[in-house]
């Protein structure tokens, strides 16, 4: 399977797990808590598979950067968390960094 598909799946699993972490209310709700544990297990397994092909620094930058942006979007849409201008600018810079790595870096395996 394509390494970037695995990385995308790892990101999705991590975003689901992190979103469920909020819903678990400190692991007091078993359903969301189970989603957290399973989601992170899947994410780390897939991340380990990706690291067979891509450098750890590049992989982690993409995984964490995309995860931050997506979790922030879910926080805004689902949990009605507000974003001020500095937060939006910072998220924009994270997105720009992930794009630069993917589009221009020779270290990303392209």
PDB file of N, CA and C in Angstrom:
ATOM      1  N   UNK A   1       0.849  -1.179   0.000  1.00  0.00           N
ATOM      2  CA  UNK A   1       0.000   0.000   0.000  1.00  0.00           C
ATOM      3  C   UNK A   1       0.896   1.244   0.000  1.00  0.00           C
ATOM      4  N   UNK A   2       0.450   2.289  -0.639  1.00  0.00           N
ATOM      5  CA  UNK A   2       1.184   3.534  -0.733  1.00  0.00           C
ATOM      6  C   UNK A   2       1.456   4.108   0.663  1.00  0.00           C
ATOM      7  N   UNK A   3       2.680   4.532   0.878  1.00  0.00           N
ATOM      8  CA  UNK A   3       3.095   5.071   2.174  1.00  0.00           C
ATOM      9  C   UNK A   3       2.252   6.262   2.595  1.00  0.00           C
ATOM     10  N   UNK A   4       1.912   7.114   1.651  1.00  0.00           N
ATOM     11  CA  UNK A   4       1.130   8.304   2.009  1.00  0.00           C
ATOM     12  C   UNK A   4      -0.325   7.965   2.329  1.00  0.00           C
ATOM     13  N   UNK A   5      -0.838   6.877   1.782  1.00  0.00           N
ATOM     14  CA  UNK A   5      -2.173   6.413   2.189  1.00  0.00           C
ATOM     15  C   UNK A   5      -2.117   5.908   3.623  1.00  0.00           C
ATOM     16  N   UNK A   6      -1.069   5.189   3.971  1.00  0.00           N
ATOM     17  CA  UNK A   6      -0.899   4.724   5.349  1.00  0.00           C
ATOM     18  C   UNK A   6      -0.762   5.898   6.307  1.00  0.00           C
ATOM     19  N   UNK A   7       0.013   6.900   5.903  1.00  0.00           N
ATOM     20  CA  UNK A   7       0.178   8.083   6.743  1.00  0.00           C
ATOM     21  C   UNK A   7      -1.151   8.821   6.907  1.00  0.00           C
ATOM     22  N   UNK A   8      -1.921   8.930   5.845  1.00  0.00           N
ATOM     23  CA  UNK A   8      -3.247   9.572   5.929  1.00  0.00           C
ATOM     24  C   UNK A   8      -4.161   8.812   6.881  1.00  0.00           C
ATOM     25  N   UNK A   9      -4.130   7.489   6.797  1.00  0.00           N
ATOM     26  CA  UNK A   9      -4.961   6.669   7.692  1.00  0.00           C
ATOM     27  C   UNK A   9      -4.499   6.831   9.140  1.00  0.00           C
ATOM     28  N   UNK A  10      -3.190   6.931   9.357  1.00  0.00           N
ATOM     29  CA  UNK A  10      -2.662   7.147  10.708  1.00  0.00           C
ATOM     30  C   UNK A  10      -3.137   8.488  11.263  1.00  0.00           C
ATOM     31  N   UNK A  11      -3.161   9.496  10.417  1.00  0.00           N
ATOM     32  CA  UNK A  11      -3.624  10.825  10.827  1.00  0.00           C
ATOM     33  C   UNK A  11      -5.108  10.780  11.188  1.00  0.00           C
ATOM     34  N   UNK A  12      -5.906  10.142  10.349  1.00  0.00           N
ATOM     35  CA  UNK A  12      -7.350  10.037  10.619  1.00  0.00           C
ATOM     36  C   UNK A  12      -7.600   9.307  11.935  1.00  0.00           C
ATOM     37  N   UNK A  13      -6.894   8.200  12.163  1.00  0.00           N
ATOM     38  CA  UNK A  13      -7.065   7.439  13.407  1.00  0.00           C
ATOM     39  C   UNK A  13      -6.680   8.286  14.617  1.00  0.00           C
ATOM     40  N   UNK A  14      -5.604   9.051  14.489  1.00  0.00           N
ATOM     41  CA  UNK A  14      -5.164   9.914  15.591  1.00  0.00           C
ATOM     42  C   UNK A  14      -6.169  11.021  15.862  1.00  0.00           C
ATOM     43  N   UNK A  15      -6.738  11.598  14.820  1.00  0.00           N
ATOM     44  CA  UNK A  15      -7.719  12.673  14.978  1.00  0.00           C
ATOM     45  C   UNK A  15      -8.996  12.134  15.642  1.00  0.00           C
ATOM     46  N   UNK A  16      -9.426  10.957  15.233  1.00  0.00           N
ATOM     47  CA  UNK A  16     -10.599  10.338  15.859  1.00  0.00           C
ATOM     48  C   UNK A  16     -10.322  10.072  17.337  1.00  0.00           C
ATOM     49  N   UNK A  17      -9.135   9.518  17.628  1.00  0.00           N
ATOM     50  CA  UNK A  17      -8.782   9.206  19.019  1.00  0.00           C
ATOM     51  C   UNK A  17      -8.716  10.473  19.871  1.00  0.00           C
ATOM     52  N   UNK A  18      -8.097  11.519  19.356  1.00  0.00           N
ATOM     53  CA  UNK A  18      -7.977  12.756  20.120  1.00  0.00           C
ATOM     54  C   UNK A  18      -9.336  13.410  20.331  1.00  0.00           C
ATOM     55  N   UNK A  19     -10.192  13.366  19.333  1.00  0.00           N
ATOM     56  CA  UNK A  19     -11.538  13.919  19.480  1.00  0.00           C
ATOM     57  C   UNK A  19     -12.328  13.120  20.509  1.00  0.00           C
ATOM     58  N   UNK A  20     -12.158  11.810  20.515  1.00  0.00           N
ATOM     59  CA  UNK A  20     -12.846  10.966  21.495  1.00  0.00           C
ATOM     60  C   UNK A  20     -12.288  11.191  22.897  1.00  0.00           C
ATOM     61  N   UNK A  21     -11.034  11.609  22.990  1.00  0.00           N
ATOM     62  CA  UNK A  21     -10.437  11.898  24.291  1.00  0.00           C
ATOM     63  C   UNK A  21     -11.219  13.001  25.000  1.00  0.00           C
ATOM     64  N   UNK A  22     -11.595  14.008  24.261  1.00  0.00           N
ATOM     65  CA  UNK A  22     -12.430  15.082  24.824  1.00  0.00           C
ATOM     66  C   UNK A  22     -13.778  14.517  25.266  1.00  0.00           C
ATOM     67  N   UNK A  23     -14.379  13.671  24.424  1.00  0.00           N
ATOM     68  CA  UNK A  23     -15.696  13.103  24.730  1.00  0.00           C
ATOM     69  C   UNK A  23     -15.651  12.093  25.880  1.00  0.00           C
ATOM     70  N   UNK A  24     -14.480  11.525  26.166  1.00  0.00           N
ATOM     71  CA  UNK A  24     -14.372  10.522  27.229  1.00  0.00           C
ATOM     72  C   UNK A  24     -14.465  11.135  28.622  1.00  0.00           C
ATOM     73  N   UNK A  25     -14.368  12.448  28.699  1.00  0.00           N
ATOM     74  CA  UNK A  25     -14.439  13.179  29.965  1.00  0.00           C
ATOM     75  C   UNK A  25     -13.536  12.553  31.021  1.00  0.00           C
ATOM     76  N   UNK A  26     -12.244  12.551  30.704  1.00  0.00           N
ATOM     77  CA  UNK A  26     -11.257  12.021  31.637  1.00  0.00           C
ATOM     78  C   UNK A  26     -11.337  10.514  31.806  1.00  0.00           C
ATOM     79  N   UNK A  27     -11.688   9.822  30.730  1.00  0.00           N
ATOM     80  CA  UNK A  27     -11.838   8.364  30.711  1.00  0.00           C
ATOM     81  C   UNK A  27     -12.964   7.878  31.632  1.00  0.00           C
ATOM     82  N   UNK A  28     -13.936   8.753  31.913  1.00  0.00           N
ATOM     83  CA  UNK A  28     -15.071   8.347  32.750  1.00  0.00           C
ATOM     84  C   UNK A  28     -16.204   7.743  31.922  1.00  0.00           C
ATOM     85  N   UNK A  29     -16.134   7.866  30.601  1.00  0.00           N
ATOM     86  CA  UNK A  29     -17.135   7.279  29.710  1.00  0.00           C
ATOM     87  C   UNK A  29     -16.465   6.158  28.914  1.00  0.00           C
ATOM     88  N   UNK A  30     -16.890   4.910  29.142  1.00  0.00           N
ATOM     89  CA  UNK A  30     -16.199   3.761  28.539  1.00  0.00           C
ATOM     90  C   UNK A  30     -16.204   3.740  27.013  1.00  0.00           C
ATOM     91  N   UNK A  31     -17.287   4.123  26.377  1.00  0.00           N
ATOM     92  CA  UNK A  31     -17.357   4.092  24.908  1.00  0.00           C
ATOM     93  C   UNK A  31     -16.310   4.978  24.262  1.00  0.00           C
ATOM     94  N   UNK A  32     -16.336   6.278  24.574  1.00  0.00           N
ATOM     95  CA  UNK A  32     -15.306   7.147  24.009  1.00  0.00           C
ATOM     96  C   UNK A  32     -13.896   6.755  24.450  1.00  0.00           C
ATOM     97  N   UNK A  33     -13.734   6.268  25.671  1.00  0.00           N
ATOM     98  CA  UNK A  33     -12.416   5.848  26.148  1.00  0.00           C
ATOM     99  C   UNK A  33     -11.884   4.687  25.306  1.00  0.00           C
ATOM    100  N   UNK A  34     -12.755   3.763  24.948  1.00  0.00           N
ATOM    101  CA  UNK A  34     -12.349   2.637  24.090  1.00  0.00           C
ATOM    102  C   UNK A  34     -11.934   3.143  22.708  1.00  0.00           C
ATOM    103  N   UNK A  35     -12.656   4.128  22.175  1.00  0.00           N
ATOM    104  CA  UNK A  35     -12.304   4.712  20.878  1.00  0.00           C
ATOM    105  C   UNK A  35     -10.913   5.351  20.956  1.00  0.00           C
ATOM    106  N   UNK A  36     -10.605   5.999  22.076  1.00  0.00           N
ATOM    107  CA  UNK A  36      -9.287   6.611  22.265  1.00  0.00           C
ATOM    108  C   UNK A  36      -8.187   5.551  22.173  1.00  0.00           C
ATOM    109  N   UNK A  37      -8.331   4.500  22.960  1.00  0.00           N
ATOM    110  CA  UNK A  37      -7.292   3.464  23.019  1.00  0.00           C
ATOM    111  C   UNK A  37      -7.133   2.773  21.665  1.00  0.00           C
ATOM    112  N   UNK A  38      -8.240   2.399  21.049  1.00  0.00           N
ATOM    113  CA  UNK A  38      -8.190   1.711  19.755  1.00  0.00           C
ATOM    114  C   UNK A  38      -7.661   2.644  18.668  1.00  0.00           C
ATOM    115  N   UNK A  39      -8.124   3.885  18.677  1.00  0.00           N
ATOM    116  CA  UNK A  39      -7.683   4.858  17.675  1.00  0.00           C
ATOM    117  C   UNK A  39      -6.194   5.130  17.731  1.00  0.00           C
ATOM    118  N   UNK A  40      -5.666   5.329  18.949  1.00  0.00           N
ATOM    119  CA  UNK A  40      -4.233   5.558  19.076  1.00  0.00           C
ATOM    120  C   UNK A  40      -3.432   4.313  18.714  1.00  0.00           C
ATOM    121  N   UNK A  41      -3.927   3.134  19.081  1.00  0.00           N
ATOM    122  CA  UNK A  41      -3.225   1.894  18.722  1.00  0.00           C
ATOM    123  C   UNK A  41      -3.126   1.755  17.206  1.00  0.00           C
ATOM    124  N   UNK A  42      -4.227   2.001  16.518  1.00  0.00           N
ATOM    125  CA  UNK A  42      -4.221   1.932  15.051  1.00  0.00           C
ATOM    126  C   UNK A  42      -3.278   2.980  14.474  1.00  0.00           C
ATOM    127  N   UNK A  43      -3.372   4.193  15.005  1.00  0.00           N
ATOM    128  CA  UNK A  43      -2.545   5.282  14.490  1.00  0.00           C
ATOM    129  C   UNK A  43      -1.053   4.975  14.653  1.00  0.00           C
ATOM    130  N   UNK A  44      -0.652   4.512  15.833  1.00  0.00           N
ATOM    131  CA  UNK A  44       0.763   4.232  16.059  1.00  0.00           C
ATOM    132  C   UNK A  44       1.240   3.034  15.247  1.00  0.00           C
ATOM    133  N   UNK A  45       0.387   2.048  15.068  1.00  0.00           N
ATOM    134  CA  UNK A  45       0.756   0.904  14.220  1.00  0.00           C
ATOM    135  C   UNK A  45       1.016   1.384  12.788  1.00  0.00           C
ATOM    136  N   UNK A  46       0.074   2.165  12.243  1.00  0.00           N
ATOM    137  CA  UNK A  46       0.236   2.670  10.881  1.00  0.00           C
ATOM    138  C   UNK A  46       1.448   3.590  10.770  1.00  0.00           C
ATOM    139  N   UNK A  47       1.661   4.405  11.793  1.00  0.00           N
ATOM    140  CA  UNK A  47       2.820   5.291  11.801  1.00  0.00           C
ATOM    141  C   UNK A  47       4.113   4.478  11.775  1.00  0.00           C
ATOM    142  N   UNK A  48       4.150   3.385  12.503  1.00  0.00           N
ATOM    143  CA  UNK A  48       5.327   2.507  12.493  1.00  0.00           C
ATOM    144  C   UNK A  48       5.569   1.925  11.100  1.00  0.00           C
ATOM    145  N   UNK A  49       4.490   1.599  10.393  1.00  0.00           N
ATOM    146  CA  UNK A  49       4.637   1.078   9.024  1.00  0.00           C
ATOM    147  C   UNK A  49       5.188   2.154   8.088  1.00  0.00           C
ATOM    148  N   UNK A  50       4.722   3.376   8.269  1.00  0.00           N
ATOM    149  CA  UNK A  50       5.190   4.494   7.437  1.00  0.00           C
ATOM    150  C   UNK A  50       6.684   4.736   7.661  1.00  0.00           C
ATOM    151  N   UNK A  51       7.136   4.570   8.902  1.00  0.00           N
ATOM    152  CA  UNK A  51       8.531   4.844   9.227  1.00  0.00           C
ATOM    153  C   UNK A  51       9.504   3.852   8.592  1.00  0.00           C
ATOM    154  N   UNK A  52       8.993   2.798   8.008  1.00  0.00           N
ATOM    155  CA  UNK A  52       9.849   1.887   7.248  1.00  0.00           C
ATOM    156  C   UNK A  52      10.313   2.543   5.951  1.00  0.00           C
ATOM    157  N   UNK A  53       9.539   3.530   5.465  1.00  0.00           N
ATOM    158  CA  UNK A  53       9.818   4.146   4.170  1.00  0.00           C
ATOM    159  C   UNK A  53      10.201   5.611   4.223  1.00  0.00           C
ATOM    160  N   UNK A  54       9.727   6.324   5.225  1.00  0.00           N
ATOM    161  CA  UNK A  54       9.967   7.771   5.301  1.00  0.00           C
ATOM    162  C   UNK A  54      10.783   8.117   6.544  1.00  0.00           C
ATOM    163  N   UNK A  55      11.559   9.201   6.487  1.00  0.00           N
ATOM    164  CA  UNK A  55      12.319   9.635   7.663  1.00  0.00           C
ATOM    165  C   UNK A  55      11.394  10.028   8.818  1.00  0.00           C
ATOM    166  N   UNK A  56      11.839   9.759  10.031  1.00  0.00           N
ATOM    167  CA  UNK A  56      11.013  10.016  11.208  1.00  0.00           C
ATOM    168  C   UNK A  56      10.643  11.502  11.341  1.00  0.00           C
ATOM    169  N   UNK A  57      11.573  12.399  11.073  1.00  0.00           N
ATOM    170  CA  UNK A  57      11.285  13.828  11.213  1.00  0.00           C
ATOM    171  C   UNK A  57      10.211  14.309  10.259  1.00  0.00           C
ATOM    172  N   UNK A  58      10.309  13.890   9.014  1.00  0.00           N
ATOM    173  CA  UNK A  58       9.322  14.274   7.997  1.00  0.00           C
ATOM    174  C   UNK A  58       7.970  13.655   8.335  1.00  0.00           C
ATOM    175  N   UNK A  59       7.991  12.375   8.673  1.00  0.00           N
ATOM    176  CA  UNK A  59       6.746  11.669   9.011  1.00  0.00           C
ATOM    177  C   UNK A  59       6.051  12.333  10.183  1.00  0.00           C
ATOM    178  N   UNK A  60       6.805  12.610  11.229  1.00  0.00           N
ATOM    179  CA  UNK A  60       6.202  13.198  12.424  1.00  0.00           C
ATOM    180  C   UNK A  60       5.701  14.608  12.154  1.00  0.00           C
ATOM    181  N   UNK A  61       6.430  15.372  11.355  1.00  0.00           N
ATOM    182  CA  UNK A  61       5.987  16.731  11.033  1.00  0.00           C
ATOM    183  C   UNK A  61       4.654  16.711  10.297  1.00  0.00           C
ATOM    184  N   UNK A  62       4.511  15.815   9.350  1.00  0.00           N
ATOM    185  CA  UNK A  62       3.257  15.725   8.596  1.00  0.00           C
ATOM    186  C   UNK A  62       2.136  15.205   9.496  1.00  0.00           C
ATOM    187  N   UNK A  63       2.412  14.130  10.240  1.00  0.00           N
ATOM    188  CA  UNK A  63       1.410  13.491  11.108  1.00  0.00           C
ATOM    189  C   UNK A  63       0.905  14.466  12.167  1.00  0.00           C
ATOM    190  N   UNK A  64       1.835  15.113  12.858  1.00  0.00           N
ATOM    191  CA  UNK A  64       1.414  16.013  13.933  1.00  0.00           C
ATOM    192  C   UNK A  64       0.803  17.302  13.388  1.00  0.00           C
ATOM    193  N   UNK A  65       1.382  17.842  12.330  1.00  0.00           N
ATOM    194  CA  UNK A  65       0.854  19.090  11.764  1.00  0.00           C
ATOM    195  C   UNK A  65      -0.550  18.929  11.225  1.00  0.00           C
ATOM    196  N   UNK A  66      -0.761  17.889  10.431  1.00  0.00           N
ATOM    197  CA  UNK A  66      -2.108  17.645   9.895  1.00  0.00           C
ATOM    198  C   UNK A  66      -3.078  17.323  11.024  1.00  0.00           C
ATOM    199  N   UNK A  67      -2.601  16.575  12.022  1.00  0.00           N
ATOM    200  CA  UNK A  67      -3.456  16.246  13.165  1.00  0.00           C
ATOM    201  C   UNK A  67      -3.885  17.482  13.931  1.00  0.00           C
ATOM    202  N   UNK A  68      -2.953  18.406  14.157  1.00  0.00           N
ATOM    203  CA  UNK A  68      -3.280  19.649  14.863  1.00  0.00           C
ATOM    204  C   UNK A  68      -4.357  20.416  14.119  1.00  0.00           C
ATOM    205  N   UNK A  69      -4.186  20.564  12.822  1.00  0.00           N
ATOM    206  CA  UNK A  69      -5.156  21.316  12.026  1.00  0.00           C
ATOM    207  C   UNK A  69      -6.529  20.645  12.067  1.00  0.00           C
ATOM    208  N   UNK A  70      -6.571  19.335  11.876  1.00  0.00           N
ATOM    209  CA  UNK A  70      -7.856  18.633  11.847  1.00  0.00           C
ATOM    210  C   UNK A  70      -8.538  18.590  13.215  1.00  0.00           C
ATOM    211  N   UNK A  71      -7.763  18.378  14.277  1.00  0.00           N
ATOM    212  CA  UNK A  71      -8.353  18.377  15.627  1.00  0.00           C
ATOM    213  C   UNK A  71      -8.888  19.763  15.961  1.00  0.00           C
ATOM    214  N   UNK A  72      -8.168  20.802  15.567  1.00  0.00           N
ATOM    215  CA  UNK A  72      -8.646  22.166  15.800  1.00  0.00           C
ATOM    216  C   UNK A  72      -9.946  22.419  15.046  1.00  0.00           C
ATOM    217  N   UNK A  73     -10.035  21.938  13.818  1.00  0.00           N
ATOM    218  CA  UNK A  73     -11.261  22.080  13.035  1.00  0.00           C
ATOM    219  C   UNK A  73     -12.427  21.353  13.708  1.00  0.00           C
ATOM    220  N   UNK A  74     -12.187  20.149  14.201  1.00  0.00           N
ATOM    221  CA  UNK A  74     -13.240  19.403  14.906  1.00  0.00           C
ATOM    222  C   UNK A  74     -13.631  20.122  16.190  1.00  0.00           C
ATOM    223  N   UNK A  75     -12.641  20.651  16.916  1.00  0.00           N
ATOM    224  CA  UNK A  75     -12.952  21.422  18.123  1.00  0.00           C
ATOM    225  C   UNK A  75     -13.844  22.609  17.823  1.00  0.00           C
ATOM    226  N   UNK A  76     -13.600  23.243  16.711  1.00  0.00           N
ATOM    227  CA  UNK A  76     -14.398  24.407  16.307  1.00  0.00           C
ATOM    228  C   UNK A  76     -15.798  23.982  15.881  1.00  0.00           C
ATOM    229  N   UNK A  77     -15.890  22.932  15.050  1.00  0.00           N
ATOM    230  CA  UNK A  77     -17.182  22.504  14.514  1.00  0.00           C
ATOM    231  C   UNK A  77     -18.037  21.738  15.526  1.00  0.00           C
ATOM    232  N   UNK A  78     -17.423  20.805  16.246  1.00  0.00           N
ATOM    233  CA  UNK A  78     -18.188  19.911  17.121  1.00  0.00           C
ATOM    234  C   UNK A  78     -18.325  20.482  18.534  1.00  0.00           C
ATOM    235  N   UNK A  79     -17.224  20.970  19.087  1.00  0.00           N
ATOM    236  CA  UNK A  79     -17.233  21.430  20.473  1.00  0.00           C
ATOM    237  C   UNK A  79     -17.412  22.931  20.616  1.00  0.00           C
ATOM    238  N   UNK A  80     -17.624  23.615  19.495  1.00  0.00           N
ATOM    239  CA  UNK A  80     -17.893  25.063  19.472  1.00  0.00           C
ATOM    240  C   UNK A  80     -16.794  25.877  20.143  1.00  0.00           C
ATOM    241  N   UNK A  81     -15.543  25.416  20.009  1.00  0.00           N
ATOM    242  CA  UNK A  81     -14.420  26.148  20.565  1.00  0.00           C
ATOM    243  C   UNK A  81     -14.068  27.291  19.614  1.00  0.00           C
ATOM    244  N   UNK A  82     -13.772  28.433  20.178  1.00  0.00           N
ATOM    245  CA  UNK A  82     -13.493  29.604  19.351  1.00  0.00           C
ATOM    246  C   UNK A  82     -12.001  29.695  19.031  1.00  0.00           C
ATOM    247  N   UNK A  83     -11.722  30.324  17.903  1.00  0.00           N
ATOM    248  CA  UNK A  83     -10.347  30.558  17.481  1.00  0.00           C
ATOM    249  C   UNK A  83     -10.155  32.054  17.279  1.00  0.00           C
ATOM    250  N   UNK A  84      -9.150  32.601  17.937  1.00  0.00           N
ATOM    251  CA  UNK A  84      -8.853  34.010  17.710  1.00  0.00           C
ATOM    252  C   UNK A  84      -7.865  34.135  16.541  1.00  0.00           C
ATOM    253  N   UNK A  85      -7.561  35.356  16.175  1.00  0.00           N
ATOM    254  CA  UNK A  85      -6.697  35.599  15.025  1.00  0.00           C
ATOM    255  C   UNK A  85      -5.318  34.947  15.165  1.00  0.00           C
ATOM    256  N   UNK A  86      -4.645  35.080  16.319  1.00  0.00           N
ATOM    257  CA  UNK A  86      -3.344  34.410  16.430  1.00  0.00           C
ATOM    258  C   UNK A  86      -3.438  32.888  16.261  1.00  0.00           C
ATOM    259  N   UNK A  87      -4.500  32.271  16.772  1.00  0.00           N
ATOM    260  CA  UNK A  87      -4.677  30.819  16.605  1.00  0.00           C
ATOM    261  C   UNK A  87      -4.853  30.477  15.131  1.00  0.00           C
ATOM    262  N   UNK A  88      -5.667  31.253  14.431  1.00  0.00           N
ATOM    263  CA  UNK A  88      -5.890  30.978  13.013  1.00  0.00           C
ATOM    264  C   UNK A  88      -4.608  31.193  12.196  1.00  0.00           C
ATOM    265  N   UNK A  89      -3.850  32.222  12.531  1.00  0.00           N
ATOM    266  CA  UNK A  89      -2.580  32.461  11.837  1.00  0.00           C
ATOM    267  C   UNK A  89      -1.598  31.313  12.097  1.00  0.00           C
ATOM    268  N   UNK A  90      -1.518  30.879  13.333  1.00  0.00           N
ATOM    269  CA  UNK A  90      -0.631  29.772  13.674  1.00  0.00           C
ATOM    270  C   UNK A  90      -1.005  28.498  12.946  1.00  0.00           C
ATOM    271  N   UNK A  91      -2.288  28.207  12.876  1.00  0.00           N
ATOM    272  CA  UNK A  91      -2.760  27.023  12.157  1.00  0.00           C
ATOM    273  C   UNK A  91      -2.453  27.155  10.667  1.00  0.00           C
ATOM    274  N   UNK A  92      -2.605  28.345  10.138  1.00  0.00           N
ATOM    275  CA  UNK A  92      -2.249  28.584   8.738  1.00  0.00           C
ATOM    276  C   UNK A  92      -0.768  28.323   8.485  1.00  0.00           C
ATOM    277  N   UNK A  93       0.086  28.715   9.423  1.00  0.00           N
ATOM    278  CA  UNK A  93       1.518  28.460   9.284  1.00  0.00           C
ATOM    279  C   UNK A  93       1.827  26.962   9.355  1.00  0.00           C
ATOM    280  N   UNK A  94       1.124  26.253  10.227  1.00  0.00           N
ATOM    281  CA  UNK A  94       1.304  24.797  10.304  1.00  0.00           C
ATOM    282  C   UNK A  94       0.918  24.161   8.971  1.00  0.00           C
ATOM    283  N   UNK A  95      -0.230  24.566   8.425  1.00  0.00           N
ATOM    284  CA  UNK A  95      -0.668  24.037   7.131  1.00  0.00           C
ATOM    285  C   UNK A  95       0.356  24.351   6.044  1.00  0.00           C
ATOM    286  N   UNK A  96       0.879  25.565   6.059  1.00  0.00           N
ATOM    287  CA  UNK A  96       1.881  25.951   5.060  1.00  0.00           C
ATOM    288  C   UNK A  96       3.127  25.079   5.206  1.00  0.00           C
ATOM    289  N   UNK A  97       3.540  24.808   6.427  1.00  0.00           N
ATOM    290  CA  UNK A  97       4.709  23.965   6.651  1.00  0.00           C
ATOM    291  C   UNK A  97       4.513  22.551   6.136  1.00  0.00           C
ATOM    292  N   UNK A  98       3.347  21.970   6.384  1.00  0.00           N
ATOM    293  CA  UNK A  98       3.060  20.624   5.887  1.00  0.00           C
ATOM    294  C   UNK A  98       3.059  20.622   4.357  1.00  0.00           C
ATOM    295  N   UNK A  99       2.485  21.648   3.751  1.00  0.00           N
ATOM    296  CA  UNK A  99       2.476  21.732   2.289  1.00  0.00           C
ATOM    297  C   UNK A  99       3.894  21.877   1.719  1.00  0.00           C
ATOM    298  N   UNK A 100       4.713  22.707   2.342  1.00  0.00           N
ATOM    299  CA  UNK A 100       6.084  22.886   1.863  1.00  0.00           C
ATOM    300  C   UNK A 100       6.839  21.561   1.926  1.00  0.00           C
ATOM    301  N   UNK A 101       6.687  20.842   3.035  1.00  0.00           N
ATOM    302  CA  UNK A 101       7.361  19.539   3.162  1.00  0.00           C
ATOM    303  C   UNK A 101       6.908  18.601   2.047  1.00  0.00           C
ATOM    304  N   UNK A 102       5.596  18.510   1.837  1.00  0.00           N
ATOM    305  CA  UNK A 102       5.062  17.559   0.855  1.00  0.00           C
ATOM    306  C   UNK A 102       5.358  17.945  -0.581  1.00  0.00           C
ATOM    307  N   UNK A 103       5.354  19.226  -0.866  1.00  0.00           N
ATOM    308  CA  UNK A 103       5.510  19.654  -2.256  1.00  0.00           C
ATOM    309  C   UNK A 103       6.956  19.871  -2.675  1.00  0.00           C
ATOM    310  N   UNK A 104       7.809  20.270  -1.733  1.00  0.00           N
ATOM    311  CA  UNK A 104       9.144  20.700  -2.132  1.00  0.00           C
ATOM    312  C   UNK A 104      10.305  19.944  -1.515  1.00  0.00           C
ATOM    313  N   UNK A 105      10.089  19.267  -0.412  1.00  0.00           N
ATOM    314  CA  UNK A 105      11.216  18.625   0.263  1.00  0.00           C
ATOM    315  C   UNK A 105      11.611  17.317  -0.388  1.00  0.00           C
ATOM    316  N   UNK A 106      12.883  17.181  -0.703  1.00  0.00           N
ATOM    317  CA  UNK A 106      13.395  15.917  -1.233  1.00  0.00           C
ATOM    318  C   UNK A 106      13.419  14.849  -0.141  1.00  0.00           C
ATOM    319  N   UNK A 107      13.462  15.282   1.118  1.00  0.00           N
ATOM    320  CA  UNK A 107      13.507  14.334   2.241  1.00  0.00           C
ATOM    321  C   UNK A 107      12.187  13.605   2.429  1.00  0.00           C
ATOM    322  N   UNK A 108      11.089  14.131   1.833  1.00  0.00           N
ATOM    323  CA  UNK A 108       9.782  13.498   2.021  1.00  0.00           C
ATOM    324  C   UNK A 108       9.577  12.294   1.119  1.00  0.00           C
ATOM    325  N   UNK A 109      10.546  11.981   0.296  1.00  0.00           N
ATOM    326  CA  UNK A 109      10.453  10.783  -0.526  1.00  0.00           C
ATOM    327  C   UNK A 109       9.827  10.983  -1.898  1.00  0.00           C
ATOM    328  N   UNK A 110       9.561  12.223  -2.293  1.00  0.00           N
ATOM    329  CA  UNK A 110       8.985  12.490  -3.621  1.00  0.00           C
ATOM    330  C   UNK A 110      10.048  12.536  -4.674  1.00  0.00           C
TER     331      UNK A 110
END
